[in-house]
Amino acid sequence: MSGRNVILILIAVLVMFLASNSLYVIKETERGVLLKFGEVVNEDIKPGLHAKIPFVNNVRKFDGRVLTVDSQPERFFTQEKKALIVDSYAKFRVADTKKFYTATNGEESRAMGLLAQRINDGLRNQVAVRTIQEVVSGERDQLMIDLAELLNDVALSELGVELVDVRVKQIDLPPDVSESVYRRMNAEREKEAREHRSQGQELAEGIRAAADREVTVLKANAYRDAELLRGEGDAEATRIYADAFTQDPEFYSFTRSLRAYQDAFHGSGDVMLVRPDSEFFRYLKDPKGGN
């Protein structure tokens, strides 16, 4: 290889080295700052291909998209000094690249940690002036709106980020409080169940007493009607017997005597001491019943 070719190769390598260290690209999803000896000289580099002086200037790139910081659940106290476990998250993006770089050294994790700390402080202040009912349901939306408005200015001035949204994911009672609340709710439900059960028993006793009373009345009325019918039947039978007996009194006397004989001598060992001329044996002496 000739010396000319070696020189050309060295020049080409040098040009490629200078180009690789001088040219850089900022994507549409990125934000960047240009540093000169650690000092920000261009805080808003537009997306595209750019050139810099090698070994003198440095470029720091940041994610320009909306990022999420997921805070750890924290214990806050309400206006009634009741503890709540609040889990929240926030959406943010880099708005002031210079402020973001100087405040966080361009580290997203550090920015998230600082922002999470400020969100927790803001939540603590917002929860402290509200009751449990307001935090859980009554003013929950207003709480997040107030928090977002309060933190947006702080985050932009201190961290160089724009707070897009703050949301409360979940609000829980502490485990010890949850257990006591559960026991209280269970006791209330049991008390309510006992009240309903006692009311049901009282109603059942009333229905049962009314049914027993109605049964007694029905039985009394039925017995009365049966006795009336029986009395009417007995009266009618007596009348029929009387009419029949008056038609032939002698036959009635004869049949009555036969029934008396049958009843008197029902058993084989029965003994009766009667005078022979007794009226009892009148029809045995004379079938016509003569004396």
Foldseek 3Di string as FASTA:
>chain_A
DDPVVVVVVVVVVVVVVQCVQFKDFAAPQKFKFKAFVNHTPGFGDDGGIGTDGGPGIDMDIAGFDKDKQWADFDWAAALVRAIKTWTKMFIKGAAGRVLQCVQQVRDPVSLSVVLNVLLVVLLNVLRHHHDPCCCPPVVVVVSFVVSLVVVQVVCCVRNRMGTPGMHTDDMGHPPVVVVVVVVVVVVVVVVVVVVVVVVVVVVVVVVVVVVVVVVVVVVVVVVVVVVVVVVVVVVVVVVVVVVVCVVPVQVVVLVVLVVVVCVQPVDPPHDDDDDPPDLSCQCVVPVSSDD
